[in-house]
Amino acid sequence: MMYQDFAQVYDELMEDVPYEKWADMLHELILRYGITKPSVICETDTEDSTEEGKLASERNLVLDLCCGTGTVTELMAEKGYDLIGVDGSEEMLNQAVEKRDKSGHEILYLCQDMRELDLYSTVGTIYCLYDSLNYLLIKEDMAKVFRLVADFLYPEGLFIFDFNTVHKYGDILGDGVMAEDRGKLSFIWDNLYDPATCQNEAVLTVFRETEDENGLFRKISEIHEQRGYSLAEILDLLAEAGLTVVKAFDLDTGEERPAEEDSERIFIVARKCIPVNISR
């Protein structure tokens, strides 16, 4: 199983990930294209019992899908958003809950497989970061997740996510090995790519120093399987789910460069379409 013992070292291993930059980008995209407002600029009281108040409370809800240890969830809560965090790993959510207990933010965490997403209401924004969707190894599962996202999005709500491309797994990571010694924590990331399935198997081995006075290290090992998708595949699946692409750009180089097939990580902003009734 993935993200069990690994959850205990996840934040240390990912300390170089620019989470603050991503949270700032999410905030800017929501304000520019979305219907969700953080509490600091929200004019409608989300506790209002009127119909408009209830609708506003749904529009202003944000779902962090595959929230992991809740780092970005916390950053978005700091910006005034009303957050729900969903992840399939209890161990990762335990880390997220610890952060919530320290911050005091009112974040609802749910342990769910993204393919079985089930919320109590619609939400105005859903985001899914750091190639979480690449863990879906077949198109049918990706299509199912997109349909669920569309089902739980408020009309004109935003779905913001990133994904690693076939180019990244096949041409960049390939069958390479990454290793780094950080003193108290070291890791080896061994990749094996299958071009027939566009799937990458990564064997992650982490050595973390324990608190034992003898300086012993604990070994943690997990296998992570991900699949690369092409931009065309993702666009087709979004359209089938009734989601319209607002913006697609290369996350590694910034918004200046439009997403292309040779991009390594692509960031997508999509909107839930409003059905048009044509009467005769």
C-alpha atoms as a PDB file:
ATOM      1  CA  MET A   1       0.000   0.000   0.000  1.00  0.00           C
ATOM      2  CA  MET A   2       1.143   3.546  -0.773  1.00  0.00           C
ATOM      3  CA  TYR A   3       1.463   6.457   1.638  1.00  0.00           C
ATOM      4  CA  GLN A   4       1.494   4.440   4.847  1.00  0.00           C
ATOM      5  CA  ASP A   5       4.903   4.579   6.566  1.00  0.00           C
ATOM      6  CA  PHE A   6       5.879   7.034   3.827  1.00  0.00           C
ATOM      7  CA  ALA A   7       3.393   9.529   5.323  1.00  0.00           C
ATOM      8  CA  GLN A   8       5.699   9.974   8.317  1.00  0.00           C
ATOM      9  CA  VAL A   9       8.524  11.321   6.152  1.00  0.00           C
ATOM     10  CA  TYR A  10       6.510  12.862   3.323  1.00  0.00           C
ATOM     11  CA  ASP A  11       6.823  16.476   4.439  1.00  0.00           C
ATOM     12  CA  GLU A  12      10.571  16.129   5.011  1.00  0.00           C
ATOM     13  CA  LEU A  13      11.052  14.553   1.612  1.00  0.00           C
ATOM     14  CA  MET A  14       8.992  17.232  -0.135  1.00  0.00           C
ATOM     15  CA  GLU A  15      10.434  20.239   1.680  1.00  0.00           C
ATOM     16  CA  ASP A  16      11.644  21.768  -1.601  1.00  0.00           C
ATOM     17  CA  VAL A  17       8.190  21.730  -3.222  1.00  0.00           C
ATOM     18  CA  PRO A  18       7.027  25.367  -3.725  1.00  0.00           C
ATOM     19  CA  TYR A  19       3.733  24.946  -1.874  1.00  0.00           C
ATOM     20  CA  GLU A  20       3.426  28.653  -1.055  1.00  0.00           C
ATOM     21  CA  LYS A  21       3.827  29.542  -4.730  1.00  0.00           C
ATOM     22  CA  TRP A  22       1.189  26.995  -5.699  1.00  0.00           C
ATOM     23  CA  ALA A  23      -1.249  28.305  -3.087  1.00  0.00           C
ATOM     24  CA  ASP A  24      -0.716  31.875  -4.322  1.00  0.00           C
ATOM     25  CA  MET A  25      -1.347  30.693  -7.883  1.00  0.00           C
ATOM     26  CA  LEU A  26      -4.531  28.869  -6.864  1.00  0.00           C
ATOM     27  CA  HIS A  27      -5.758  31.992  -5.085  1.00  0.00           C
ATOM     28  CA  GLU A  28      -5.096  34.174  -8.142  1.00  0.00           C
ATOM     29  CA  LEU A  29      -6.798  31.720 -10.507  1.00  0.00           C
ATOM     30  CA  ILE A  30      -9.872  31.429  -8.282  1.00  0.00           C
ATOM     31  CA  LEU A  31     -10.216  35.196  -7.997  1.00  0.00           C
ATOM     32  CA  ARG A  32      -9.702  35.652 -11.746  1.00  0.00           C
ATOM     33  CA  TYR A  33     -11.884  32.872 -13.128  1.00  0.00           C
ATOM     34  CA  GLY A  34     -13.930  31.396 -10.313  1.00  0.00           C
ATOM     35  CA  ILE A  35     -17.109  31.916  -8.333  1.00  0.00           C
ATOM     36  CA  THR A  36     -15.573  31.181  -4.917  1.00  0.00           C
ATOM     37  CA  LYS A  37     -14.673  33.987  -2.547  1.00  0.00           C
ATOM     38  CA  PRO A  38     -12.499  33.763   0.561  1.00  0.00           C
ATOM     39  CA  SER A  39     -14.179  34.960   3.740  1.00  0.00           C
ATOM     40  CA  VAL A  40     -12.140  38.169   3.841  1.00  0.00           C
ATOM     41  CA  ILE A  41     -13.887  39.497   0.720  1.00  0.00           C
ATOM     42  CA  CYS A  42     -17.126  37.519   0.849  1.00  0.00           C
ATOM     43  CA  GLU A  43     -20.114  39.870   1.083  1.00  0.00           C
ATOM     44  CA  THR A  44     -22.632  37.128   1.899  1.00  0.00           C
ATOM     45  CA  ASP A  45     -22.802  35.605   5.358  1.00  0.00           C
ATOM     46  CA  THR A  46     -22.265  31.878   4.788  1.00  0.00           C
ATOM     47  CA  GLU A  47     -24.239  31.219   8.011  1.00  0.00           C
ATOM     48  CA  ASP A  48     -27.301  32.914   6.483  1.00  0.00           C
ATOM     49  CA  SER A  49     -30.246  30.506   6.587  1.00  0.00           C
ATOM     50  CA  THR A  50     -31.878  32.035   3.500  1.00  0.00           C
ATOM     51  CA  GLU A  51     -31.713  30.283   0.158  1.00  0.00           C
ATOM     52  CA  GLU A  52     -29.153  32.784  -1.103  1.00  0.00           C
ATOM     53  CA  GLY A  53     -27.039  32.211   1.996  1.00  0.00           C
ATOM     54  CA  LYS A  54     -27.125  28.449   1.480  1.00  0.00           C
ATOM     55  CA  LEU A  55     -26.129  28.818  -2.163  1.00  0.00           C
ATOM     56  CA  ALA A  56     -23.290  31.145  -1.208  1.00  0.00           C
ATOM     57  CA  SER A  57     -22.014  28.629   1.341  1.00  0.00           C
ATOM     58  CA  GLU A  58     -21.722  26.036  -1.433  1.00  0.00           C
ATOM     59  CA  ARG A  59     -20.133  28.415  -3.960  1.00  0.00           C
ATOM     60  CA  ASN A  60     -17.524  29.382  -1.405  1.00  0.00           C
ATOM     61  CA  LEU A  61     -16.552  25.832  -0.449  1.00  0.00           C
ATOM     62  CA  VAL A  62     -13.193  24.578  -1.749  1.00  0.00           C
ATOM     63  CA  LEU A  63     -12.258  20.910  -2.045  1.00  0.00           C
ATOM     64  CA  ASP A  64      -8.607  19.878  -1.858  1.00  0.00           C
ATOM     65  CA  LEU A  65      -8.793  16.527  -3.657  1.00  0.00           C
ATOM     66  CA  CYS A  66      -5.927  14.198  -2.706  1.00  0.00           C
ATOM     67  CA  CYS A  67      -4.897  16.679  -0.025  1.00  0.00           C
ATOM     68  CA  GLY A  68      -2.122  14.508   1.400  1.00  0.00           C
ATOM     69  CA  THR A  69      -0.681  15.901   4.626  1.00  0.00           C
ATOM     70  CA  GLY A  70      -2.679  19.109   4.250  1.00  0.00           C
ATOM     71  CA  THR A  71       0.120  21.571   3.550  1.00  0.00           C
ATOM     72  CA  VAL A  72      -1.674  23.412   0.739  1.00  0.00           C
ATOM     73  CA  THR A  73      -4.996  22.948   2.531  1.00  0.00           C
ATOM     74  CA  GLU A  74      -3.604  24.921   5.460  1.00  0.00           C
ATOM     75  CA  LEU A  75      -2.180  27.613   3.184  1.00  0.00           C
ATOM     76  CA  MET A  76      -5.546  28.046   1.454  1.00  0.00           C
ATOM     77  CA  ALA A  77      -7.314  28.178   4.823  1.00  0.00           C
ATOM     78  CA  GLU A  78      -4.942  30.992   5.804  1.00  0.00           C
ATOM     79  CA  LYS A  79      -6.187  32.894   2.749  1.00  0.00           C
ATOM     80  CA  GLY A  80      -9.726  32.669   4.097  1.00  0.00           C
ATOM     81  CA  TYR A  81     -11.180  29.772   2.126  1.00  0.00           C
ATOM     82  CA  ASP A  82     -13.618  27.241   3.570  1.00  0.00           C
ATOM     83  CA  LEU A  83     -11.837  23.926   3.020  1.00  0.00           C
ATOM     84  CA  ILE A  84     -12.682  20.244   2.682  1.00  0.00           C
ATOM     85  CA  GLY A  85      -9.731  17.875   2.319  1.00  0.00           C
ATOM     86  CA  VAL A  86     -10.124  14.409   0.804  1.00  0.00           C
ATOM     87  CA  ASP A  87      -7.442  11.729   0.626  1.00  0.00           C
ATOM     88  CA  GLY A  88      -7.373   7.958   0.358  1.00  0.00           C
ATOM     89  CA  SER A  89      -4.603   7.483   2.923  1.00  0.00           C
ATOM     90  CA  GLU A  90      -5.509   7.526   6.614  1.00  0.00           C
ATOM     91  CA  GLU A  91      -1.851   7.965   7.485  1.00  0.00           C
ATOM     92  CA  MET A  92      -1.522  11.094   5.345  1.00  0.00           C
ATOM     93  CA  LEU A  93      -4.737  12.494   6.813  1.00  0.00           C
ATOM     94  CA  ASN A  94      -3.411  11.894  10.326  1.00  0.00           C
ATOM     95  CA  GLN A  95      -0.567  14.265   9.485  1.00  0.00           C
ATOM     96  CA  ALA A  96      -3.075  16.777   8.100  1.00  0.00           C
ATOM     97  CA  VAL A  97      -5.200  16.594  11.243  1.00  0.00           C
ATOM     98  CA  GLU A  98      -2.145  17.297  13.393  1.00  0.00           C
ATOM     99  CA  LYS A  99      -1.530  20.474  11.371  1.00  0.00           C
ATOM    100  CA  ARG A 100      -5.177  21.468  11.737  1.00  0.00           C
ATOM    101  CA  ASP A 101      -5.012  20.963  15.498  1.00  0.00           C
ATOM    102  CA  LYS A 102      -2.026  23.312  15.675  1.00  0.00           C
ATOM    103  CA  SER A 103      -3.453  25.989  13.340  1.00  0.00           C
ATOM    104  CA  GLY A 104      -7.020  25.916  14.621  1.00  0.00           C
ATOM    105  CA  HIS A 105      -8.417  26.096  11.076  1.00  0.00           C
ATOM    106  CA  GLU A 106     -11.877  24.615  10.602  1.00  0.00           C
ATOM    107  CA  ILE A 107     -11.043  22.098   7.875  1.00  0.00           C
ATOM    108  CA  LEU A 108     -13.183  19.024   7.279  1.00  0.00           C
ATOM    109  CA  TYR A 109     -11.100  15.968   6.349  1.00  0.00           C
ATOM    110  CA  LEU A 110     -12.615  12.896   4.683  1.00  0.00           C
ATOM    111  CA  CYS A 111     -10.874   9.593   3.931  1.00  0.00           C
ATOM    112  CA  GLN A 112     -12.087   8.635   0.450  1.00  0.00           C
ATOM    113  CA  ASP A 113     -10.698   7.168  -2.735  1.00  0.00           C
ATOM    114  CA  MET A 114     -11.015   9.889  -5.371  1.00  0.00           C
ATOM    115  CA  ARG A 115     -12.821   7.372  -7.582  1.00  0.00           C
ATOM    116  CA  GLU A 116     -15.531   7.137  -4.918  1.00  0.00           C
ATOM    117  CA  LEU A 117     -15.820  10.828  -4.091  1.00  0.00           C
ATOM    118  CA  ASP A 118     -18.984  11.574  -2.102  1.00  0.00           C
ATOM    119  CA  LEU A 119     -19.673  15.034  -0.677  1.00  0.00           C
ATOM    120  CA  TYR A 120     -22.635  16.410   1.262  1.00  0.00           C
ATOM    121  CA  SER A 121     -23.101  19.338  -1.154  1.00  0.00           C
ATOM    122  CA  THR A 122     -21.661  20.931  -4.243  1.00  0.00           C
ATOM    123  CA  VAL A 123     -18.551  23.106  -3.960  1.00  0.00           C
ATOM    124  CA  GLY A 124     -17.411  26.148  -5.885  1.00  0.00           C
ATOM    125  CA  THR A 125     -13.818  25.042  -6.482  1.00  0.00           C
ATOM    126  CA  ILE A 126     -12.006  21.710  -6.619  1.00  0.00           C
ATOM    127  CA  TYR A 127      -8.244  21.479  -6.959  1.00  0.00           C
ATOM    128  CA  CYS A 128      -5.992  18.420  -7.208  1.00  0.00           C
ATOM    129  CA  LEU A 129      -2.227  18.966  -7.099  1.00  0.00           C
ATOM    130  CA  TYR A 130       1.175  17.394  -7.507  1.00  0.00           C
ATOM    131  CA  ASP A 131       0.399  14.721 -10.116  1.00  0.00           C
ATOM    132  CA  SER A 132      -2.155  13.001  -7.872  1.00  0.00           C
ATOM    133  CA  LEU A 133      -4.277  12.201 -10.932  1.00  0.00           C
ATOM    134  CA  ASN A 134      -1.373  10.286 -12.455  1.00  0.00           C
ATOM    135  CA  TYR A 135      -2.064   7.520  -9.933  1.00  0.00           C
ATOM    136  CA  LEU A 136      -5.116   6.691 -12.039  1.00  0.00           C
ATOM    137  CA  LEU A 137      -3.672   4.008 -14.304  1.00  0.00           C
ATOM    138  CA  ILE A 138      -6.574   3.563 -16.717  1.00  0.00           C
ATOM    139  CA  LYS A 139      -8.546   6.134 -18.691  1.00  0.00           C
ATOM    140  CA  GLU A 140     -11.827   4.809 -17.342  1.00  0.00           C
ATOM    141  CA  ASP A 141     -10.809   5.798 -13.817  1.00  0.00           C
ATOM    142  CA  MET A 142      -9.731   9.250 -14.946  1.00  0.00           C
ATOM    143  CA  ALA A 143     -13.056   9.651 -16.757  1.00  0.00           C
ATOM    144  CA  LYS A 144     -14.910   8.568 -13.608  1.00  0.00           C
ATOM    145  CA  VAL A 145     -13.073  11.092 -11.437  1.00  0.00           C
ATOM    146  CA  PHE A 146     -13.776  13.880 -13.926  1.00  0.00           C
ATOM    147  CA  ARG A 147     -17.485  12.956 -13.931  1.00  0.00           C
ATOM    148  CA  LEU A 148     -17.568  12.992 -10.125  1.00  0.00           C
ATOM    149  CA  VAL A 149     -15.832  16.367 -10.104  1.00  0.00           C
ATOM    150  CA  ALA A 150     -18.456  17.703 -12.513  1.00  0.00           C
ATOM    151  CA  ASP A 151     -21.252  16.247 -10.367  1.00  0.00           C
ATOM    152  CA  PHE A 152     -20.033  17.965  -7.210  1.00  0.00           C
ATOM    153  CA  LEU A 153     -19.072  21.289  -8.765  1.00  0.00           C
ATOM    154  CA  TYR A 154     -21.461  24.190  -8.416  1.00  0.00           C
ATOM    155  CA  PRO A 155     -22.530  25.554 -11.852  1.00  0.00           C
ATOM    156  CA  GLU A 156     -19.592  27.510 -13.332  1.00  0.00           C
ATOM    157  CA  GLY A 157     -17.354  26.164 -10.565  1.00  0.00           C
ATOM    158  CA  LEU A 158     -13.643  25.627 -11.233  1.00  0.00           C
ATOM    159  CA  PHE A 159     -11.612  22.433 -11.390  1.00  0.00           C
ATOM    160  CA  ILE A 160      -7.871  23.169 -11.134  1.00  0.00           C
ATOM    161  CA  PHE A 161      -5.305  20.390 -11.399  1.00  0.00           C
ATOM    162  CA  ASP A 162      -1.937  19.333 -12.760  1.00  0.00           C
ATOM    163  CA  PHE A 163      -0.657  16.140 -14.339  1.00  0.00           C
ATOM    164  CA  ASN A 164       2.629  14.692 -15.557  1.00  0.00           C
ATOM    165  CA  THR A 165       2.800  13.937 -19.257  1.00  0.00           C
ATOM    166  CA  VAL A 166       3.870  10.880 -21.222  1.00  0.00           C
ATOM    167  CA  HIS A 167       6.896  12.926 -22.270  1.00  0.00           C
ATOM    168  CA  LYS A 168       8.016  13.375 -18.657  1.00  0.00           C
ATOM    169  CA  TYR A 169       7.781   9.709 -17.701  1.00  0.00           C
ATOM    170  CA  GLY A 170       9.101   8.354 -20.982  1.00  0.00           C
ATOM    171  CA  ASP A 171      11.786  10.861 -21.931  1.00  0.00           C
ATOM    172  CA  ILE A 172      12.797  12.566 -18.684  1.00  0.00           C
ATOM    173  CA  LEU A 173      12.413  10.034 -15.889  1.00  0.00           C
ATOM    174  CA  GLY A 174      12.656   6.961 -18.101  1.00  0.00           C
ATOM    175  CA  ASP A 175      14.459   4.150 -16.312  1.00  0.00           C
ATOM    176  CA  GLY A 176      16.578   6.553 -14.295  1.00  0.00           C
ATOM    177  CA  VAL A 177      17.517   6.523 -10.641  1.00  0.00           C
ATOM    178  CA  MET A 178      17.454   9.566  -8.376  1.00  0.00           C
ATOM    179  CA  ALA A 179      19.220   9.600  -5.022  1.00  0.00           C
ATOM    180  CA  GLU A 180      19.976  12.243  -2.433  1.00  0.00           C
ATOM    181  CA  ASP A 181      21.688  12.267   0.956  1.00  0.00           C
ATOM    182  CA  ARG A 182      20.311  14.919   3.287  1.00  0.00           C
ATOM    183  CA  GLY A 183      22.123  13.739   6.398  1.00  0.00           C
ATOM    184  CA  LYS A 184      19.318  12.631   8.673  1.00  0.00           C
ATOM    185  CA  LEU A 185      17.202  11.594   5.704  1.00  0.00           C
ATOM    186  CA  SER A 186      18.305   9.997   2.441  1.00  0.00           C
ATOM    187  CA  PHE A 187      16.335   8.467  -0.402  1.00  0.00           C
ATOM    188  CA  ILE A 188      16.637   6.435  -3.588  1.00  0.00           C
ATOM    189  CA  TRP A 189      13.972   6.770  -6.297  1.00  0.00           C
ATOM    190  CA  ASP A 190      14.277   3.997  -8.879  1.00  0.00           C
ATOM    191  CA  ASN A 191      12.065   4.382 -11.985  1.00  0.00           C
ATOM    192  CA  LEU A 192      10.956   1.727 -14.457  1.00  0.00           C
ATOM    193  CA  TYR A 193       8.912   2.955 -17.420  1.00  0.00           C
ATOM    194  CA  ASP A 194       6.754   0.822 -19.719  1.00  0.00           C
ATOM    195  CA  PRO A 195       6.093   2.619 -23.025  1.00  0.00           C
ATOM    196  CA  ALA A 196       3.355   0.148 -23.962  1.00  0.00           C
ATOM    197  CA  THR A 197       1.170   1.236 -21.052  1.00  0.00           C
ATOM    198  CA  CYS A 198       2.699   4.684 -20.412  1.00  0.00           C
ATOM    199  CA  GLN A 199       3.075   3.555 -16.793  1.00  0.00           C
ATOM    200  CA  ASN A 200       5.966   4.320 -14.497  1.00  0.00           C
ATOM    201  CA  GLU A 201       6.813   2.140 -11.508  1.00  0.00           C
ATOM    202  CA  ALA A 202       8.889   3.962  -8.927  1.00  0.00           C
ATOM    203  CA  VAL A 203      10.491   2.097  -6.055  1.00  0.00           C
ATOM    204  CA  LEU A 204      11.056   4.629  -3.299  1.00  0.00           C
ATOM    205  CA  THR A 205      13.441   3.742  -0.496  1.00  0.00           C
ATOM    206  CA  VAL A 206      13.939   6.193   2.366  1.00  0.00           C
ATOM    207  CA  PHE A 207      16.467   6.013   5.200  1.00  0.00           C
ATOM    208  CA  ARG A 208      15.584   8.214   8.152  1.00  0.00           C
ATOM    209  CA  GLU A 209      17.643   8.673  11.291  1.00  0.00           C
ATOM    210  CA  THR A 210      15.863   7.506  14.425  1.00  0.00           C
ATOM    211  CA  GLU A 211      16.030   9.081  17.869  1.00  0.00           C
ATOM    212  CA  ASP A 212      18.068   6.112  19.050  1.00  0.00           C
ATOM    213  CA  GLU A 213      21.294   7.309  20.660  1.00  0.00           C
ATOM    214  CA  ASN A 214      23.248   4.818  18.563  1.00  0.00           C
ATOM    215  CA  GLY A 215      22.401   6.767  15.397  1.00  0.00           C
ATOM    216  CA  LEU A 216      20.382   4.019  13.762  1.00  0.00           C
ATOM    217  CA  PHE A 217      18.404   4.628  10.581  1.00  0.00           C
ATOM    218  CA  ARG A 218      14.958   3.288   9.734  1.00  0.00           C
ATOM    219  CA  LYS A 219      14.302   2.013   6.220  1.00  0.00           C
ATOM    220  CA  ILE A 220      10.975   2.768   4.528  1.00  0.00           C
ATOM    221  CA  SER A 221      10.189   1.351   1.108  1.00  0.00           C
ATOM    222  CA  GLU A 222       7.124   1.762  -1.108  1.00  0.00           C
ATOM    223  CA  ILE A 223       6.214   1.164  -4.755  1.00  0.00           C
ATOM    224  CA  HIS A 224       4.370   3.953  -6.555  1.00  0.00           C
ATOM    225  CA  GLU A 225       2.715   3.372  -9.920  1.00  0.00           C
ATOM    226  CA  GLN A 226       1.717   6.293 -12.087  1.00  0.00           C
ATOM    227  CA  ARG A 227       0.631   6.760 -15.675  1.00  0.00           C
ATOM    228  CA  GLY A 228       1.512   9.559 -18.035  1.00  0.00           C
ATOM    229  CA  TYR A 229      -1.273  11.204 -20.034  1.00  0.00           C
ATOM    230  CA  SER A 230      -1.098  13.331 -23.128  1.00  0.00           C
ATOM    231  CA  LEU A 231      -2.681  16.773 -23.232  1.00  0.00           C
ATOM    232  CA  ALA A 232      -5.066  15.568 -25.936  1.00  0.00           C
ATOM    233  CA  GLU A 233      -6.261  12.670 -23.767  1.00  0.00           C
ATOM    234  CA  ILE A 234      -6.970  14.931 -20.816  1.00  0.00           C
ATOM    235  CA  LEU A 235      -8.815  17.497 -22.951  1.00  0.00           C
ATOM    236  CA  ASP A 236     -11.039  14.789 -24.438  1.00  0.00           C
ATOM    237  CA  LEU A 237     -11.882  13.350 -21.012  1.00  0.00           C
ATOM    238  CA  LEU A 238     -12.706  16.786 -19.618  1.00  0.00           C
ATOM    239  CA  ALA A 239     -15.039  17.497 -22.523  1.00  0.00           C
ATOM    240  CA  GLU A 240     -16.796  14.156 -22.042  1.00  0.00           C
ATOM    241  CA  ALA A 241     -17.402  15.070 -18.389  1.00  0.00           C
ATOM    242  CA  GLY A 242     -18.908  18.442 -19.307  1.00  0.00           C
ATOM    243  CA  LEU A 243     -15.919  20.490 -18.193  1.00  0.00           C
ATOM    244  CA  THR A 244     -14.658  23.352 -20.379  1.00  0.00           C
ATOM    245  CA  VAL A 245     -10.981  24.283 -20.332  1.00  0.00           C
ATOM    246  CA  VAL A 246     -10.365  27.898 -19.369  1.00  0.00           C
ATOM    247  CA  LYS A 247      -6.590  27.788 -19.317  1.00  0.00           C
ATOM    248  CA  ALA A 248      -3.822  25.228 -19.854  1.00  0.00           C
ATOM    249  CA  PHE A 249      -0.209  26.102 -19.180  1.00  0.00           C
ATOM    250  CA  ASP A 250       3.190  24.605 -18.478  1.00  0.00           C
ATOM    251  CA  LEU A 251       3.508  24.575 -14.690  1.00  0.00           C
ATOM    252  CA  ASP A 252       7.299  24.226 -14.671  1.00  0.00           C
ATOM    253  CA  THR A 253       7.930  27.286 -16.797  1.00  0.00           C
ATOM    254  CA  GLY A 254       4.971  29.377 -15.645  1.00  0.00           C
ATOM    255  CA  GLU A 255       1.837  30.798 -17.226  1.00  0.00           C
ATOM    256  CA  GLU A 256       3.841  32.444 -19.997  1.00  0.00           C
ATOM    257  CA  ARG A 257       4.171  29.171 -21.887  1.00  0.00           C
ATOM    258  CA  PRO A 258       1.010  27.475 -23.149  1.00  0.00           C
ATOM    259  CA  ALA A 259       0.740  23.756 -22.467  1.00  0.00           C
ATOM    260  CA  GLU A 260       2.143  21.578 -25.234  1.00  0.00           C
ATOM    261  CA  GLU A 261       2.735  17.868 -25.749  1.00  0.00           C
ATOM    262  CA  ASP A 262       6.404  18.300 -24.806  1.00  0.00           C
ATOM    263  CA  SER A 263       5.536  19.937 -21.482  1.00  0.00           C
ATOM    264  CA  GLU A 264       6.515  17.865 -18.463  1.00  0.00           C
ATOM    265  CA  ARG A 265       3.833  19.007 -16.022  1.00  0.00           C
ATOM    266  CA  ILE A 266       0.671  20.676 -17.276  1.00  0.00           C
ATOM    267  CA  PHE A 267      -1.683  22.771 -15.200  1.00  0.00           C
ATOM    268  CA  ILE A 268      -5.350  22.918 -16.222  1.00  0.00           C
ATOM    269  CA  VAL A 269      -8.119  25.299 -15.199  1.00  0.00           C
ATOM    270  CA  ALA A 270     -11.535  23.972 -16.238  1.00  0.00           C
ATOM    271  CA  ARG A 271     -15.087  25.171 -15.599  1.00  0.00           C
ATOM    272  CA  LYS A 272     -18.317  23.251 -15.163  1.00  0.00           C
ATOM    273  CA  CYS A 273     -20.553  23.990 -18.124  1.00  0.00           C
ATOM    274  CA  ILE A 274     -24.113  25.171 -17.634  1.00  0.00           C
ATOM    275  CA  PRO A 275     -26.492  23.120 -19.797  1.00  0.00           C
ATOM    276  CA  VAL A 276     -28.292  25.195 -22.382  1.00  0.00           C
ATOM    277  CA  ASN A 277     -31.975  24.422 -22.791  1.00  0.00           C
ATOM    278  CA  ILE A 278     -33.107  24.940 -26.356  1.00  0.00           C
ATOM    279  CA  SER A 279     -36.875  25.279 -26.600  1.00  0.00           C
ATOM    280  CA  ARG A 280     -38.756  25.204 -29.868  1.00  0.00           C
END
